[in-house]
């Protein structure tokens, strides 16, 4: 719905058919298994190479990350889509939209030969590219809903389209209001 409310170059089609995943004995999803599923979905759907495929999972993954791109196919990735009320008042859909956008930026950076890991912020500053190793930092990231000047400079240098920046900031601003108590 976020992408429908704020149209731009990114259009989302939601497939509601369930995807079978199997957690390991500790109850976590294994990254390589998820990447294999994503690759299979891409192949079975005969998707164009420019299409992004994002799998939303309710089960935590082995490294407990919010979202992970497939390093071999950056247009495939997964987002841990869960109830994070213990961190933020933003609904899961807002978090999923946020990390879906970040996955798109990761792929565009990779296309431009800029390693996305190189611009990730280990110390949260309220930017789209905050790592959030401490899960509680997600609240700052969502409440601030910013793209810092350092990241903006990189995005401008590789020619991220203005229309994508406008759509991203509109979605981030709308989700920011849901992450603040006074929204």
Foldseek 3Di string as FASTA:
>chain_A
DLCVVQPFPDDDDDDPDDDDFDADPVFAGEPVRQVVSQVVVCVVVVDDLVAAAEAEACTAHPLRFQKDADPVRLSYIYGDQHAPVVQFQQHSVLSVVLVNLVSVVCVLCVVLVHHLVVPADCDDDLASRDRPSPVNSVLSVLLSLHHDPVNVVSCVVSCPDPRSVSSSSVSSVVSNVSRDPND
